[in-house]
């Protein structure tokens, strides 16, 4: 695989990359195994800190729905479903990734790696593509038969938590997962200039984004408080609580452009106005007010969910609470 390669010019990481492929001896197996291990290690490695945070009452002050803390039984039930999807849906697809990638001209075992200057714009394009793909596909999953038989599983938790990022029907894992991998494959097909290391960087960042968006926590240092167009947990938590609105993943702009964040913005405005009117009230009174507003939104969401389930056609209009 490496005829004429000057190994002395490689970085330590690149040398370990070469060692991995040479020691395995089969690039298809080497890529498949590394890809699956990367996904599992990053997914559960990022989710475990949120499990720890959920177990510590100190952090409830930043929890978006503080009355709803996942129990150990819920965490375990969620883990079992996620692992089932990982091994039955994602593992076979990951194993087929190497031959598909090579057929499209993607570099896999090759070294050296591309520079960060090369990878950064590619990763941004993948974020942009996936966000729009998810925005469209996610709304489709909120229509009649697709919601009732597929997406309803993911909405089991009106207050999501980190592990629940991939808690979904196997069909949904495949549908929405396509948005993650199609971007790199399409880009590679047209440019013939993409290394799988860039794809791995993209996958790691995408997993962090998905898990953090489902964490249920909004800290002062959360990314959306620094980058206003970033979605984050504060944006996505409302989707689970209200059932409707906020269909995108990484960025807020598609929901703003197409008006699918109207109930979310109305809710945030009501919370802000109520807090301003009660600026001299006690912390307990303010907390009770927030809980009351949350309960109202959740009740509207229950009605919207029933309406979505009652619509049987694929082309049904996206449900929006009026």
Foldseek 3Di string as FASTA:
>chain_A
DQPPDDPVPADPVLNVLLVQCVVVVDQLVSQLVVVLVLLVCLQVVLQVVLVVLLVDPVQLVFFQQSVDRDDPVRLVVLVVLLVVLSVPPVSVVSSCVVVLCVVLLAAESDDDDDDCVVLVVLLVQLLVQLQVQQLVVLLLCLAAPSVVPWVVQLLPDLQFALSSLRRTHSVVCVRSVCSNPVSVSVVSNVPSDHYVVSSSVSSSVLSNQSSQLRHRGDDCPPVCVVVVQFQGVLNNSLCSLQVFARRGGTGNVVCVVVVRCVVVVVLVVVLVVVCVVCVVPDPVVNVVVSVVSSVVSNVNSVVQSVVRNPGHDSPDDRGDRD
